[in-house]
Amino acid sequence: MLSLVTGTRNRPRQFARLVESIQQYTPMPWELVVSDASDYPLELDVPANVRILPERPRLGCTRGYNRAFCESRGDWVLWLNDDVEVCEGYATAAVNFMEAHPRIGLGALHYSEPENGKPFHVNSAWGCIYANFGIISRDLGNQVGWFDEEIGMYGNDNSLTLRVLLAGYGVSDIPDAKVIHHPEQDAERRHNEDPAQRAHDNEVLQRKYMPRRAPWQA
């Protein structure tokens, strides 16, 4: 089974779009584990394999995702945002790649942002690819501890990438595994773009994971 993990807050329309795309394009058995920090219950007709975990009280982005990761039951865990829709072939490409490359610990899905004119791509920082939307085995995720909970929002995906690398595994992009990101310019995004939070998260990453030149940097 493939475990899909996401967090959501006050975005029922976007979340419904995500669920619809997962239902359409995920051929293997799957579950979707959702950390829901909404101010009101999600009143949506979702299939039985969508498990919604209300945050009461609110946990915050990183802790919410980590709780959902720990609740997952699949061999592979793939995380997404609530404002994403998956593309045809994404799941098969991601799982097949990871099974064919056992020394790759984390796979980064390619994503596009059509509203911003951005083609399919992955991002990099500190000399390595990281996964905005990624796939990892549940066993390795449990081993390295998923997202670093000292990081509030920006940089939690970087922290998992760095933990995987420091555990001795590789990180690779998976060009045939694609999702579309529709960045919503709403109150949640404006809250998440707090510059003080960004500065804090960057400081944590530098302090904890970059005290010396990393082994993957030339």
Protein backbone atom coordinates (compact mmCIF):
# COMPACT_ATOMS: atom_id res chain seq x y z
CA MET A 1 0.00 0.00 0.00
CA LEU A 2 1.07 3.56 -0.75
CA SER A 3 0.52 6.02 2.08
CA LEU A 4 -0.12 9.60 1.00
CA VAL A 5 0.24 12.29 3.65
CA THR A 6 -0.90 15.89 3.63
CA GLY A 7 -1.89 18.71 5.93
CA THR A 8 -4.77 21.10 5.35
CA ARG A 9 -6.28 24.20 6.92
CA ASN A 10 -9.43 25.98 5.75
CA ARG A 11 -9.07 24.85 2.14
CA PRO A 12 -11.98 22.48 1.42
CA ARG A 13 -12.07 23.24 -2.32
CA GLN A 14 -8.36 22.63 -2.81
CA PHE A 15 -8.41 19.53 -0.60
CA ALA A 16 -11.33 18.09 -2.58
CA ARG A 17 -9.36 18.63 -5.82
CA LEU A 18 -6.38 16.76 -4.35
CA VAL A 19 -8.53 13.80 -3.26
CA GLU A 20 -10.22 13.62 -6.66
CA SER A 21 -6.86 13.51 -8.47
CA ILE A 22 -5.54 10.82 -6.11
CA GLN A 23 -8.62 8.69 -6.73
CA GLN A 24 -8.21 9.10 -10.48
CA TYR A 25 -4.48 8.48 -10.81
CA THR A 26 -3.41 6.07 -8.03
CA PRO A 27 -3.63 2.50 -9.39
CA MET A 28 -2.30 0.59 -6.37
CA PRO A 29 -3.96 0.28 -2.95
CA TRP A 30 -3.56 3.58 -1.12
CA GLU A 31 -4.49 5.58 1.92
CA LEU A 32 -4.48 9.33 2.48
CA VAL A 33 -3.64 10.47 6.01
CA VAL A 34 -4.60 14.09 6.63
CA SER A 35 -3.59 16.38 9.47
CA ASP A 36 -6.50 18.82 9.54
CA ALA A 37 -5.91 22.14 11.31
CA SER A 38 -9.07 23.76 9.93
CA ASP A 39 -11.12 26.11 12.08
CA TYR A 40 -14.23 24.12 11.13
CA PRO A 41 -14.81 20.42 10.31
CA LEU A 42 -14.15 19.30 6.75
CA GLU A 43 -17.63 18.47 5.48
CA LEU A 44 -16.63 16.46 2.44
CA ASP A 45 -17.69 13.09 1.09
CA VAL A 46 -14.35 11.27 1.07
CA PRO A 47 -13.64 7.56 0.53
CA ALA A 48 -13.03 5.27 3.47
CA ASN A 49 -9.27 5.14 2.86
CA VAL A 50 -8.97 8.86 3.62
CA ARG A 51 -8.21 9.25 7.33
CA ILE A 52 -8.62 12.75 8.71
CA LEU A 53 -6.79 13.55 11.95
CA PRO A 54 -8.20 16.77 13.48
CA GLU A 55 -5.64 18.97 15.21
CA ARG A 56 -7.16 19.95 18.54
CA PRO A 57 -5.27 21.98 19.62
CA ARG A 58 -3.44 23.03 16.48
CA LEU A 59 -0.05 21.32 16.19
CA GLY A 60 1.55 23.47 13.50
CA CYS A 61 2.78 22.37 10.09
CA THR A 62 5.75 20.19 11.04
CA ARG A 63 4.21 18.42 14.03
CA GLY A 64 0.98 17.91 12.11
CA TYR A 65 2.77 16.22 9.24
CA ASN A 66 4.87 14.13 11.63
CA ARG A 67 1.77 12.83 13.38
CA ALA A 68 0.32 11.87 10.01
CA PHE A 69 3.60 10.20 8.99
CA CYS A 70 3.56 8.13 12.17
CA GLU A 71 -0.06 7.11 11.50
CA SER A 72 0.75 5.86 8.00
CA ARG A 73 0.69 2.14 7.29
CA GLY A 74 2.07 1.75 3.76
CA ASP A 75 5.49 0.52 2.74
CA TRP A 76 6.06 3.83 0.94
CA VAL A 77 5.06 7.27 2.18
CA LEU A 78 4.55 10.16 -0.23
CA TRP A 79 3.76 13.65 1.04
CA LEU A 80 1.87 16.41 -0.73
CA ASN A 81 0.34 19.81 -0.06
CA ASP A 82 -3.39 20.34 0.02
CA ASP A 83 -3.10 22.70 -2.98
CA VAL A 84 -1.59 20.03 -5.23
CA GLU A 85 -3.13 17.71 -7.78
CA VAL A 86 -1.31 14.56 -8.84
CA CYS A 87 -0.69 13.66 -12.48
CA GLU A 88 -1.29 10.41 -14.29
CA GLY A 89 1.52 7.92 -13.66
CA TYR A 90 2.92 9.74 -10.62
CA ALA A 91 2.49 6.86 -8.17
CA THR A 92 3.74 4.05 -10.41
CA ALA A 93 6.78 6.08 -11.46
CA ALA A 94 7.63 7.01 -7.87
CA VAL A 95 7.27 3.53 -6.37
CA ASN A 96 8.99 1.76 -9.28
CA PHE A 97 11.95 4.14 -9.09
CA MET A 98 12.41 3.70 -5.36
CA GLU A 99 12.14 -0.10 -5.57
CA ALA A 100 14.70 -0.16 -8.38
CA HIS A 101 17.21 2.02 -6.46
CA PRO A 102 17.50 0.72 -2.89
CA ARG A 103 20.37 3.08 -2.01
CA ILE A 104 18.19 6.09 -2.81
CA GLY A 105 16.48 6.96 0.44
CA LEU A 106 14.36 9.86 -0.77
CA GLY A 107 12.81 10.60 -4.15
CA ALA A 108 11.79 14.12 -5.18
CA LEU A 109 8.74 14.44 -7.41
CA HIS A 110 8.81 17.02 -10.20
CA TYR A 111 6.22 19.76 -9.87
CA SER A 112 4.96 22.66 -11.95
CA GLU A 113 3.20 25.88 -10.99
CA PRO A 114 1.17 26.82 -14.08
CA GLU A 115 -0.25 29.94 -12.47
CA ASN A 116 3.32 31.23 -12.03
CA GLY A 117 4.56 29.99 -15.40
CA LYS A 118 6.96 27.48 -13.82
CA PRO A 119 7.56 24.22 -15.73
CA PHE A 120 8.13 20.87 -14.04
CA HIS A 121 11.23 21.01 -11.86
CA VAL A 122 12.77 20.18 -8.50
CA ASN A 123 14.65 22.48 -6.16
CA SER A 124 18.09 22.31 -4.59
CA ALA A 125 19.91 23.88 -1.66
CA TRP A 126 23.32 23.42 -0.05
CA GLY A 127 24.55 21.42 -3.01
CA CYS A 128 21.79 18.81 -3.05
CA ILE A 129 18.32 18.20 -4.42
CA TYR A 130 15.54 18.31 -1.87
CA ALA A 131 11.94 17.21 -2.11
CA ASN A 132 9.11 19.70 -1.85
CA PHE A 133 6.95 16.66 -2.56
CA GLY A 134 8.72 13.38 -1.92
CA ILE A 135 8.57 9.64 -1.38
CA ILE A 136 10.42 7.67 1.28
CA SER A 137 10.04 4.23 2.82
CA ARG A 138 8.14 4.24 6.07
CA ASP A 139 10.99 2.29 7.73
CA LEU A 140 13.60 4.91 6.78
CA GLY A 141 11.30 7.77 7.75
CA ASN A 142 10.86 6.25 11.18
CA GLN A 143 14.61 5.68 11.43
CA VAL A 144 15.61 9.28 10.70
CA GLY A 145 12.66 10.89 12.50
CA TRP A 146 10.74 12.50 9.61
CA PHE A 147 10.65 16.34 9.72
CA ASP A 148 12.72 18.23 12.29
CA GLU A 149 10.20 19.61 14.80
CA GLU A 150 12.46 22.50 15.74
CA ILE A 151 11.58 23.88 12.30
CA GLY A 152 8.17 25.46 12.08
CA MET A 153 7.35 25.59 8.39
CA TYR A 154 9.97 26.49 5.77
CA GLY A 155 12.82 24.02 5.76
CA ASN A 156 11.05 20.96 7.16
CA ASP A 157 11.40 19.25 3.75
CA ASN A 158 15.08 20.27 3.69
CA SER A 159 15.57 18.77 7.13
CA LEU A 160 14.30 15.37 5.99
CA THR A 161 16.55 15.47 2.93
CA LEU A 162 19.57 16.24 5.10
CA ARG A 163 18.68 13.52 7.61
CA VAL A 164 18.44 10.96 4.80
CA LEU A 165 21.83 12.01 3.40
CA LEU A 166 23.47 11.92 6.83
CA ALA A 167 22.05 8.40 7.31
CA GLY A 168 24.10 7.32 4.28
CA TYR A 169 21.40 7.21 1.62
CA GLY A 170 21.09 9.10 -1.64
CA VAL A 171 18.49 11.60 -2.77
CA SER A 172 17.30 11.75 -6.38
CA ASP A 173 14.65 13.40 -8.46
CA ILE A 174 12.07 11.23 -10.27
CA PRO A 175 11.27 13.03 -13.55
CA ASP A 176 8.31 10.81 -14.46
CA ALA A 177 6.57 11.33 -11.11
CA LYS A 178 4.78 14.64 -11.49
CA VAL A 179 2.34 16.80 -9.56
CA ILE A 180 0.86 20.22 -10.21
CA HIS A 181 1.11 22.81 -7.46
CA HIS A 182 -1.49 25.57 -7.36
CA PRO A 183 -0.04 28.03 -4.79
CA GLU A 184 -3.04 29.72 -3.22
CA GLN A 185 -2.52 33.38 -2.31
CA ASP A 186 -4.81 33.13 0.70
CA ALA A 187 -4.62 33.88 4.39
CA GLU A 188 -2.84 30.59 5.13
CA ARG A 189 -0.05 31.31 2.64
CA ARG A 190 0.39 34.86 3.92
CA HIS A 191 0.67 33.52 7.45
CA ASN A 192 3.22 30.91 6.37
CA GLU A 193 5.41 33.51 4.65
CA ASP A 194 6.32 35.21 7.92
CA PRO A 195 9.94 36.39 7.37
CA ALA A 196 10.81 35.85 11.03
CA GLN A 197 9.76 32.19 10.74
CA ARG A 198 11.81 31.79 7.58
CA ALA A 199 14.88 33.25 9.30
CA HIS A 200 14.41 30.99 12.32
CA ASP A 201 14.05 27.86 10.18
CA ASN A 202 17.12 28.72 8.13
CA GLU A 203 19.15 29.28 11.30
CA VAL A 204 18.11 25.86 12.63
CA LEU A 205 19.09 24.13 9.40
CA GLN A 206 22.49 25.85 9.35
CA ARG A 207 23.19 25.17 13.02
CA LYS A 208 22.09 21.53 13.16
CA TYR A 209 23.02 20.18 9.76
CA MET A 210 25.81 22.40 8.41
CA PRO A 211 28.38 22.74 11.21
CA ARG A 212 31.07 21.67 8.75
CA ARG A 213 31.25 21.01 5.04
CA ALA A 214 28.71 18.32 4.28
CA PRO A 215 30.06 15.04 2.79
CA TRP A 216 27.97 15.47 -0.39
CA GLN A 217 29.38 18.94 -1.11
CA ALA A 218 32.42 19.21 -3.37
